[in-house]
C-alpha atoms as a PDB file:
ATOM      1  CA  MET A   1      -1.818 -96.236 129.938  1.00  0.00           C
ATOM      2  CA  ALA A   2      -2.336 -99.398 127.992  1.00  0.00           C
ATOM      3  CA  VAL A   3       0.858-101.570 127.019  1.00  0.00           C
ATOM      4  CA  ASP A   4       0.705-103.689 123.951  1.00  0.00           C
ATOM      5  CA  PRO A   5       1.869-106.937 125.033  1.00  0.00           C
ATOM      6  CA  GLU A   6       3.344-107.588 121.474  1.00  0.00           C
ATOM      7  CA  HIS A   7       5.575-104.417 121.948  1.00  0.00           C
ATOM      8  CA  VAL A   8       6.899-106.024 125.356  1.00  0.00           C
ATOM      9  CA  ALA A   9       7.589-109.232 123.762  1.00  0.00           C
ATOM     10  CA  LYS A  10       9.445-107.829 120.856  1.00  0.00           C
ATOM     11  CA  ALA A  11      11.558-105.613 123.314  1.00  0.00           C
ATOM     12  CA  ALA A  12      12.389-108.998 125.351  1.00  0.00           C
ATOM     13  CA  SER A  13      13.377-110.831 122.053  1.00  0.00           C
ATOM     14  CA  GLU A  14      15.265-108.015 120.937  1.00  0.00           C
ATOM     15  CA  MET A  15      17.255-107.886 124.401  1.00  0.00           C
ATOM     16  CA  LEU A  16      17.683-111.600 124.392  1.00  0.00           C
ATOM     17  CA  ALA A  17      19.315-111.312 120.957  1.00  0.00           C
ATOM     18  CA  ARG A  18      21.810-108.588 122.124  1.00  0.00           C
ATOM     19  CA  TYR A  19      22.675-109.753 125.248  1.00  0.00           C
ATOM     20  CA  GLY A  20      22.017-113.520 125.124  1.00  0.00           C
ATOM     21  CA  ILE A  21      21.460-114.952 128.981  1.00  0.00           C
ATOM     22  CA  ASN A  22      22.913-111.480 130.099  1.00  0.00           C
ATOM     23  CA  ALA A  23      19.405-109.952 129.108  1.00  0.00           C
ATOM     24  CA  VAL A  24      18.030-111.242 132.325  1.00  0.00           C
ATOM     25  CA  ALA A  25      20.391-109.409 134.471  1.00  0.00           C
ATOM     26  CA  ARG A  26      20.087-106.425 132.539  1.00  0.00           C
ATOM     27  CA  ALA A  27      16.534-106.127 132.726  1.00  0.00           C
ATOM     28  CA  GLN A  28      16.662-106.715 136.508  1.00  0.00           C
ATOM     29  CA  ASP A  29      19.156-103.934 136.931  1.00  0.00           C
ATOM     30  CA  ARG A  30      16.740-101.700 134.779  1.00  0.00           C
ATOM     31  CA  VAL A  31      13.930-102.689 137.498  1.00  0.00           C
ATOM     32  CA  ASN A  32      16.489-101.906 140.382  1.00  0.00           C
ATOM     33  CA  ASP A  33      17.486 -98.443 138.827  1.00  0.00           C
ATOM     34  CA  VAL A  34      13.659 -97.286 138.154  1.00  0.00           C
ATOM     35  CA  SER A  35      12.661 -98.482 141.387  1.00  0.00           C
ATOM     36  CA  ARG A  36      15.238 -96.507 143.104  1.00  0.00           C
ATOM     37  CA  ALA A  37      14.112 -93.489 141.205  1.00  0.00           C
ATOM     38  CA  GLY A  38      10.647 -93.878 142.022  1.00  0.00           C
ATOM     39  CA  ASP A  39       8.945 -93.763 138.906  1.00  0.00           C
ATOM     40  CA  ARG A  40       6.187 -95.983 139.200  1.00  0.00           C
ATOM     41  CA  THR A  41       5.203 -95.938 135.783  1.00  0.00           C
ATOM     42  CA  ALA A  42       8.570 -96.864 134.378  1.00  0.00           C
ATOM     43  CA  LEU A  43       8.871 -99.646 136.858  1.00  0.00           C
ATOM     44  CA  ASP A  44       5.585-101.162 135.790  1.00  0.00           C
ATOM     45  CA  LEU A  45       7.257-100.962 132.557  1.00  0.00           C
ATOM     46  CA  ALA A  46      10.587-102.547 133.595  1.00  0.00           C
ATOM     47  CA  MET A  47       8.880-105.317 135.506  1.00  0.00           C
ATOM     48  CA  LEU A  48       6.773-106.243 132.451  1.00  0.00           C
ATOM     49  CA  LEU A  49       9.946-106.485 130.372  1.00  0.00           C
ATOM     50  CA  LEU A  50      11.890-108.668 133.139  1.00  0.00           C
ATOM     51  CA  THR A  51       8.774-110.982 133.372  1.00  0.00           C
ATOM     52  CA  GLU A  52       8.758-111.351 129.484  1.00  0.00           C
ATOM     53  CA  VAL A  53      12.847-111.676 128.950  1.00  0.00           C
ATOM     54  CA  GLU A  54      12.582-114.308 131.982  1.00  0.00           C
ATOM     55  CA  ARG A  55       9.633-116.199 130.148  1.00  0.00           C
ATOM     56  CA  GLN A  56      11.447-116.112 126.739  1.00  0.00           C
ATOM     57  CA  ALA A  57      14.845-117.096 128.177  1.00  0.00           C
ATOM     58  CA  ALA A  58      13.078-120.335 129.966  1.00  0.00           C
ATOM     59  CA  ALA A  59      11.452-121.210 127.016  1.00  0.00           C
ATOM     60  CA  SER A  60      14.435-121.000 124.839  1.00  0.00           C
ATOM     61  CA  ALA A  61      16.567-122.900 127.610  1.00  0.00           C
ATOM     62  CA  PHE A  62      19.623-120.724 127.512  1.00  0.00           C
END
C-alpha cells in the first residue's frame, strides 16, 4: 500500500494543532496500541505518523 507523504504531513500538522506538544505522546500511544494488536499495516502507518509528528514538533521548537 502506497502512502502519500503529504497526507502523513497533514495528519501530523493536525495532531500538533490539536494536541500541541502532547501530540508526540498521543502518536506514541497509537504506536503502542497497534503494536500490541499485531496489526502490521496499522503499525507501519502509526510509525510514519509518529516520525512526522516528532519532526514537525522539533522544527517548530515546542
